[in-house]
Amino acid sequence: MEEQKTIHRLSRIGILGNVLLAGFKLFAGILGKSGAMVSDAVHSLSDVFATLIAYIGVQLSKRQEDAEHPYGHERLECVASLILGLILAGTGVGIGYAGIRKLIYGQEALEIPTVLPLIAAVVSIVVKEGMYRYTMYYAQKLDSAAFRADAWHHRSDALSSVGSFLGIGMARIGWPIMDPVAGLIICILILKAAFDIIKDALERMLDTSGGTVLEQEIKAFIEAQPGVVRVDLLHTRQFGSRVYADLEIAVDRNISLIDAHTIAENVHSRVEEHFPNIKHIMIHVNPA
C-alpha cells in the first residue's frame, strides 16, 4: 500500500511540475525571443509523457504471476525504460536539427533574447534539479529502473537549462549565434542521457549478471550459513528490477538427504530475506 502511494505521488508531482514548467518556459521563450528556451520547453513537455510511461510500466510490472507469465511481469518496467530512452533520444535529435537549421539558414534573422528567458532558465535549473533528486531518492527506494530513467529526464532538463542560460547570456552580450549553439549542446546532453537509459534497459532485459559485488556479498553470506561447506557455483541474472540466482552448495556427504534438504531450505529462505532484490534462488546440493 505504501509503495503504491509513493508511485502515485511521484507520478502526480512529475506530471504537474513538468506541465507548469513547460508552459512557463514556452511563454518565456516566445516572448523573450529565445529559440534555446523554446527547445528547453519542448524537452520539459516530453517529460510529461516520460512520467506517464514510467507510471504505467511500474504498475504493469507489479502484476502477479499468472499461467502465461509464471516468472512475473518485472521486465515490463524495462520496456518502459527503453521507450523513455527512445523518446528522450528523439527529443534530442529534434532539438539538434532545429539548432543546425537555424545556424545554416537563419543567421541573418537571429534575434537577441530578452532577460525573461534567462530568468526562466534559472527557475528551470532549480526546479528540475529538485525534481531529479526527489524522484531518484524514491526510485532507489523502490528499486525502479523506470523511475530512475524518469529522474534522468529531470536531470537532463536541468542540464539543458544550464546550456540555455549560457547561450542566452552570451547572445545578450553580443553573440546571438550562441543561442542556437546552446540548442546543439542541449542535444548532446540529452542524447548522452538517452544512451545510458537505453543501455541499462537492454542489460536488464538480456539476463545480465547482477554484478561482481552483489555475487560476492551473496557468496559470503551463504558460506556463513550452518551446514554449508562451500559455494561451488553462483550465477545471477537481472529480471527487470529483480534478480534471479542459480546456486550450487557443497554439504557433508555423510548426512542424510533430509538434513541436506533442510540446509538448502534454510539457505533459500535466508538469502531471499536478506537480499530483497532477489526474487528467487534455485539451489542444487553437492556432496563435499
Protein backbone atom coordinates (compact mmCIF):
# COMPACT_ATOMS: atom_id res chain seq x y z
CA MET A 1 0.00 0.00 0.00
CA GLU A 2 2.81 2.44 0.93
CA GLU A 3 4.65 1.55 -2.28
CA GLN A 4 1.56 2.36 -4.37
CA LYS A 5 1.16 5.71 -2.60
CA THR A 6 4.78 6.56 -3.41
CA ILE A 7 4.31 5.62 -7.09
CA HIS A 8 1.14 7.75 -7.36
CA ARG A 9 2.82 10.70 -5.62
CA LEU A 10 5.91 10.56 -7.86
CA SER A 11 3.72 10.48 -10.95
CA ARG A 12 1.50 13.38 -9.86
CA ILE A 13 4.45 15.60 -8.95
CA GLY A 14 6.29 14.73 -12.17
CA ILE A 15 3.34 15.44 -14.44
CA LEU A 16 2.13 18.62 -12.72
CA GLY A 17 5.63 20.03 -12.30
CA ASN A 18 6.55 19.46 -15.94
CA VAL A 19 3.30 20.87 -17.32
CA LEU A 20 3.68 24.10 -15.32
CA LEU A 21 7.38 24.43 -16.09
CA ALA A 22 6.95 23.70 -19.82
CA GLY A 23 4.21 26.33 -20.07
CA PHE A 24 6.34 28.92 -18.28
CA LYS A 25 9.43 28.22 -20.42
CA LEU A 26 7.44 28.24 -23.68
CA PHE A 27 5.94 31.60 -22.74
CA ALA A 28 9.37 32.98 -21.79
CA GLY A 29 10.99 31.58 -24.95
CA ILE A 30 8.43 33.02 -27.37
CA LEU A 31 8.05 36.39 -25.62
CA GLY A 32 11.78 36.62 -24.91
CA LYS A 33 12.84 35.69 -28.48
CA SER A 34 14.91 32.66 -27.44
CA GLY A 35 14.96 29.53 -29.59
CA ALA A 36 17.03 27.72 -26.95
CA MET A 37 14.34 28.34 -24.32
CA VAL A 38 11.58 27.16 -26.68
CA SER A 39 13.61 23.96 -27.23
CA ASP A 40 14.01 23.65 -23.48
CA ALA A 41 10.23 23.95 -23.07
CA VAL A 42 9.68 21.12 -25.58
CA HIS A 43 12.09 18.99 -23.56
CA SER A 44 10.10 19.67 -20.37
CA LEU A 45 6.87 18.78 -22.15
CA SER A 46 8.34 15.46 -23.26
CA ASP A 47 8.99 14.72 -19.58
CA VAL A 48 5.21 14.66 -19.01
CA PHE A 49 4.93 11.66 -21.32
CA ALA A 50 8.04 10.16 -19.74
CA THR A 51 6.44 10.21 -16.29
CA LEU A 52 3.22 8.69 -17.66
CA ILE A 53 5.16 5.86 -19.31
CA ALA A 54 7.18 5.27 -16.13
CA TYR A 55 3.97 5.09 -14.10
CA ILE A 56 2.28 2.66 -16.48
CA GLY A 57 5.41 0.50 -16.74
CA VAL A 58 5.87 0.25 -12.98
CA GLN A 59 2.19 -0.54 -12.43
CA LEU A 60 2.22 -3.32 -15.03
CA SER A 61 5.45 -4.78 -13.66
CA LYS A 62 3.84 -5.19 -10.22
CA ARG A 63 1.19 -7.59 -11.55
CA GLN A 64 1.26 -11.05 -10.03
CA GLU A 65 2.49 -14.17 -11.85
CA ASP A 66 -0.09 -15.99 -13.96
CA ALA A 67 -0.27 -19.13 -16.13
CA GLU A 68 1.18 -17.34 -19.18
CA HIS A 69 3.83 -15.45 -17.19
CA PRO A 70 4.99 -17.77 -14.38
CA TYR A 71 8.08 -15.61 -13.76
CA GLY A 72 6.07 -12.41 -13.31
CA HIS A 73 5.97 -9.16 -15.27
CA GLU A 74 9.05 -7.28 -13.99
CA ARG A 75 10.54 -6.89 -17.46
CA LEU A 76 7.66 -4.63 -18.48
CA GLU A 77 9.43 -1.96 -16.43
CA CYS A 78 12.48 -2.44 -18.67
CA VAL A 79 10.24 -1.98 -21.71
CA ALA A 80 9.02 1.30 -20.19
CA SER A 81 12.63 2.41 -19.59
CA LEU A 82 13.53 1.54 -23.18
CA ILE A 83 10.60 3.60 -24.50
CA LEU A 84 11.63 6.50 -22.25
CA GLY A 85 15.17 6.36 -23.60
CA LEU A 86 13.96 6.33 -27.21
CA ILE A 87 11.63 9.28 -26.58
CA LEU A 88 14.49 11.19 -24.98
CA ALA A 89 16.74 10.40 -27.95
CA GLY A 90 14.06 11.58 -30.37
CA THR A 91 13.68 14.82 -28.44
CA GLY A 92 17.44 15.38 -28.58
CA VAL A 93 17.61 14.75 -32.33
CA GLY A 94 14.71 17.17 -32.92
CA ILE A 95 16.36 19.92 -30.88
CA GLY A 96 19.70 19.34 -32.62
CA TYR A 97 18.07 19.53 -36.06
CA ALA A 98 16.35 22.81 -35.20
CA GLY A 99 19.63 24.29 -33.96
CA ILE A 100 21.56 23.23 -37.09
CA ARG A 101 18.83 24.53 -39.38
CA LYS A 102 18.85 27.89 -37.61
CA LEU A 103 22.64 28.12 -37.85
CA ILE A 104 22.68 27.31 -41.58
CA TYR A 105 19.60 29.17 -42.83
CA GLY A 106 18.75 31.74 -40.20
CA GLN A 107 21.94 33.53 -39.17
CA GLU A 108 20.76 36.88 -40.55
CA ALA A 109 17.47 36.62 -38.65
CA LEU A 110 19.00 35.73 -35.29
CA GLU A 111 17.48 37.85 -32.57
CA ILE A 112 18.96 38.84 -29.22
CA PRO A 113 16.86 37.31 -26.41
CA THR A 114 15.43 39.44 -23.61
CA VAL A 115 16.14 38.92 -19.91
CA LEU A 116 12.93 36.84 -19.44
CA PRO A 117 14.40 33.58 -20.86
CA LEU A 118 17.38 34.00 -18.52
CA ILE A 119 15.02 34.08 -15.53
CA ALA A 120 13.14 31.08 -16.88
CA ALA A 121 16.43 29.17 -17.25
CA VAL A 122 17.37 29.80 -13.62
CA VAL A 123 13.91 28.73 -12.41
CA SER A 124 14.11 25.60 -14.55
CA ILE A 125 17.57 24.64 -13.26
CA VAL A 126 16.46 24.90 -9.61
CA VAL A 127 13.08 23.17 -10.08
CA LYS A 128 14.30 20.33 -12.33
CA GLU A 129 17.33 19.54 -10.18
CA GLY A 130 14.99 19.36 -7.20
CA MET A 131 12.66 17.03 -9.12
CA TYR A 132 15.63 14.87 -10.12
CA ARG A 133 16.80 14.45 -6.52
CA TYR A 134 13.27 13.76 -5.27
CA THR A 135 12.47 11.21 -7.99
CA MET A 136 15.86 9.48 -7.77
CA TYR A 137 15.56 9.14 -3.98
CA TYR A 138 12.28 7.25 -4.26
CA ALA A 139 13.39 5.38 -7.41
CA GLN A 140 16.27 3.92 -5.37
CA LYS A 141 13.90 3.02 -2.53
CA LEU A 142 11.54 1.30 -4.99
CA ASP A 143 14.48 -0.12 -6.99
CA SER A 144 12.65 1.11 -10.09
CA ALA A 145 14.55 1.35 -13.39
CA ALA A 146 11.63 3.24 -14.97
CA PHE A 147 11.57 5.95 -12.31
CA ARG A 148 15.36 6.17 -12.41
CA ALA A 149 15.01 6.84 -16.13
CA ASP A 150 12.32 9.41 -15.33
CA ALA A 151 14.68 11.05 -12.82
CA TRP A 152 17.33 11.32 -15.52
CA HIS A 153 14.76 13.03 -17.73
CA HIS A 154 14.53 15.67 -14.99
CA ARG A 155 18.33 15.92 -14.68
CA SER A 156 18.82 16.23 -18.45
CA ASP A 157 16.22 19.02 -18.45
CA ALA A 158 18.17 20.82 -15.72
CA LEU A 159 21.39 20.43 -17.72
CA SER A 160 19.72 21.66 -20.88
CA SER A 161 18.56 24.72 -18.95
CA VAL A 162 22.18 25.37 -17.95
CA GLY A 163 23.03 25.30 -21.67
CA SER A 164 20.13 27.64 -22.37
CA PHE A 165 21.28 30.04 -19.65
CA LEU A 166 24.82 30.21 -21.06
CA GLY A 167 23.62 30.54 -24.66
CA ILE A 168 21.05 33.23 -23.87
CA GLY A 169 23.53 35.12 -21.68
CA MET A 170 26.17 35.17 -24.41
CA ALA A 171 23.57 36.16 -27.01
CA ARG A 172 22.64 39.16 -24.83
CA ILE A 173 26.25 40.38 -24.69
CA GLY A 174 26.58 40.42 -28.47
CA TRP A 175 26.81 36.79 -29.57
CA PRO A 176 23.28 35.91 -30.82
CA ILE A 177 24.65 32.87 -32.66
CA MET A 178 25.28 31.25 -29.27
CA ASP A 179 21.53 30.77 -28.74
CA PRO A 180 21.20 28.02 -31.41
CA VAL A 181 24.65 26.72 -30.41
CA ALA A 182 23.23 26.23 -26.91
CA GLY A 183 20.46 24.19 -28.52
CA LEU A 184 23.10 21.87 -30.00
CA ILE A 185 24.77 21.49 -26.60
CA ILE A 186 21.38 20.58 -25.17
CA CYS A 187 21.01 17.98 -27.93
CA ILE A 188 24.31 16.30 -26.98
CA LEU A 189 23.43 16.20 -23.26
CA ILE A 190 20.01 14.69 -23.99
CA LEU A 191 21.44 12.04 -26.33
CA LYS A 192 24.01 11.02 -23.70
CA ALA A 193 21.28 10.56 -21.08
CA ALA A 194 19.16 8.62 -23.61
CA PHE A 195 22.06 6.29 -24.41
CA ASP A 196 22.60 5.50 -20.71
CA ILE A 197 18.90 4.77 -20.15
CA ILE A 198 18.61 2.52 -23.24
CA LYS A 199 21.82 0.66 -22.33
CA ASP A 200 20.58 -0.01 -18.77
CA ALA A 201 17.18 -1.20 -20.02
CA LEU A 202 18.74 -3.61 -22.54
CA GLU A 203 21.13 -5.02 -19.95
CA ARG A 204 18.21 -5.77 -17.64
CA MET A 205 16.32 -7.50 -20.45
CA LEU A 206 19.24 -9.68 -21.59
CA ASP A 207 19.85 -11.68 -18.38
CA THR A 208 22.90 -9.59 -17.50
CA SER A 209 24.68 -10.61 -14.29
CA GLY A 210 23.75 -8.84 -11.06
CA GLY A 211 27.40 -7.80 -10.80
CA THR A 212 30.57 -9.00 -9.04
CA VAL A 213 29.90 -7.02 -5.88
CA LEU A 214 26.41 -8.48 -5.39
CA GLU A 215 27.61 -12.02 -6.12
CA GLN A 216 30.49 -11.73 -3.66
CA GLU A 217 28.10 -10.49 -0.96
CA ILE A 218 25.70 -13.38 -1.62
CA LYS A 219 28.52 -15.96 -1.64
CA ALA A 220 29.97 -14.73 1.66
CA PHE A 221 26.50 -14.73 3.23
CA ILE A 222 25.74 -18.29 2.06
CA GLU A 223 29.08 -19.72 3.18
CA ALA A 224 28.36 -18.36 6.68
CA GLN A 225 25.13 -20.41 6.92
CA PRO A 226 25.07 -23.56 9.10
CA GLY A 227 25.87 -26.77 7.23
CA VAL A 228 27.30 -25.11 4.10
CA VAL A 229 30.85 -26.31 3.41
CA ARG A 230 31.40 -24.07 0.38
CA VAL A 231 29.73 -22.48 -2.64
CA ASP A 232 30.58 -24.41 -5.81
CA LEU A 233 28.73 -22.18 -8.27
CA LEU A 234 26.75 -18.94 -8.18
CA HIS A 235 25.17 -17.25 -11.20
CA THR A 236 22.85 -14.24 -11.07
CA ARG A 237 20.73 -12.63 -13.78
CA GLN A 238 18.71 -9.44 -13.78
CA PHE A 239 14.99 -9.74 -14.46
CA GLY A 240 13.66 -6.20 -14.64
CA SER A 241 14.25 -4.64 -11.24
CA ARG A 242 14.71 -8.06 -9.57
CA VAL A 243 17.44 -10.70 -9.62
CA TYR A 244 17.31 -14.48 -10.06
CA ALA A 245 20.15 -16.66 -8.71
CA ASP A 246 21.33 -20.20 -9.51
CA LEU A 247 23.39 -21.78 -6.76
CA GLU A 248 25.34 -24.98 -6.09
CA ILE A 249 26.43 -25.62 -2.49
CA ALA A 250 28.52 -28.42 -1.03
CA VAL A 251 27.43 -30.11 2.23
CA ASP A 252 28.80 -33.00 4.28
CA ARG A 253 28.46 -36.14 2.12
CA ASN A 254 27.67 -38.30 5.18
CA ILE A 255 24.48 -36.56 6.30
CA SER A 256 21.01 -37.74 5.31
CA LEU A 257 19.04 -36.43 2.35
CA ILE A 258 16.57 -34.87 4.78
CA ASP A 259 19.36 -32.94 6.55
CA ALA A 260 20.83 -31.78 3.22
CA HIS A 261 17.39 -30.62 2.11
CA THR A 262 16.93 -28.73 5.39
CA ILE A 263 20.25 -26.90 4.87
CA ALA A 264 19.22 -25.92 1.33
CA GLU A 265 15.80 -24.74 2.51
CA ASN A 266 17.46 -22.60 5.21
CA VAL A 267 19.83 -21.05 2.66
CA HIS A 268 16.93 -20.38 0.28
CA SER A 269 14.86 -18.61 2.94
CA ARG A 270 17.73 -16.62 4.47
CA VAL A 271 19.03 -15.35 1.12
CA GLU A 272 15.61 -14.14 -0.06
CA GLU A 273 15.04 -12.46 3.32
CA HIS A 274 18.46 -10.80 3.46
CA PHE A 275 18.57 -9.66 -0.19
CA PRO A 276 15.12 -8.18 -1.01
CA ASN A 277 16.00 -7.62 -4.68
CA ILE A 278 16.48 -11.38 -5.17
CA LYS A 279 13.15 -12.71 -6.35
CA HIS A 280 14.14 -16.39 -6.32
CA ILE A 281 17.22 -18.57 -5.80
CA MET A 282 17.44 -22.10 -7.21
CA ILE A 283 19.72 -24.38 -5.16
CA HIS A 284 21.50 -27.61 -6.12
CA VAL A 285 23.27 -29.61 -3.38
CA ASN A 286 26.64 -31.35 -3.99
CA PRO A 287 28.39 -33.80 -1.63
CA ALA A 288 31.54 -32.25 -0.15
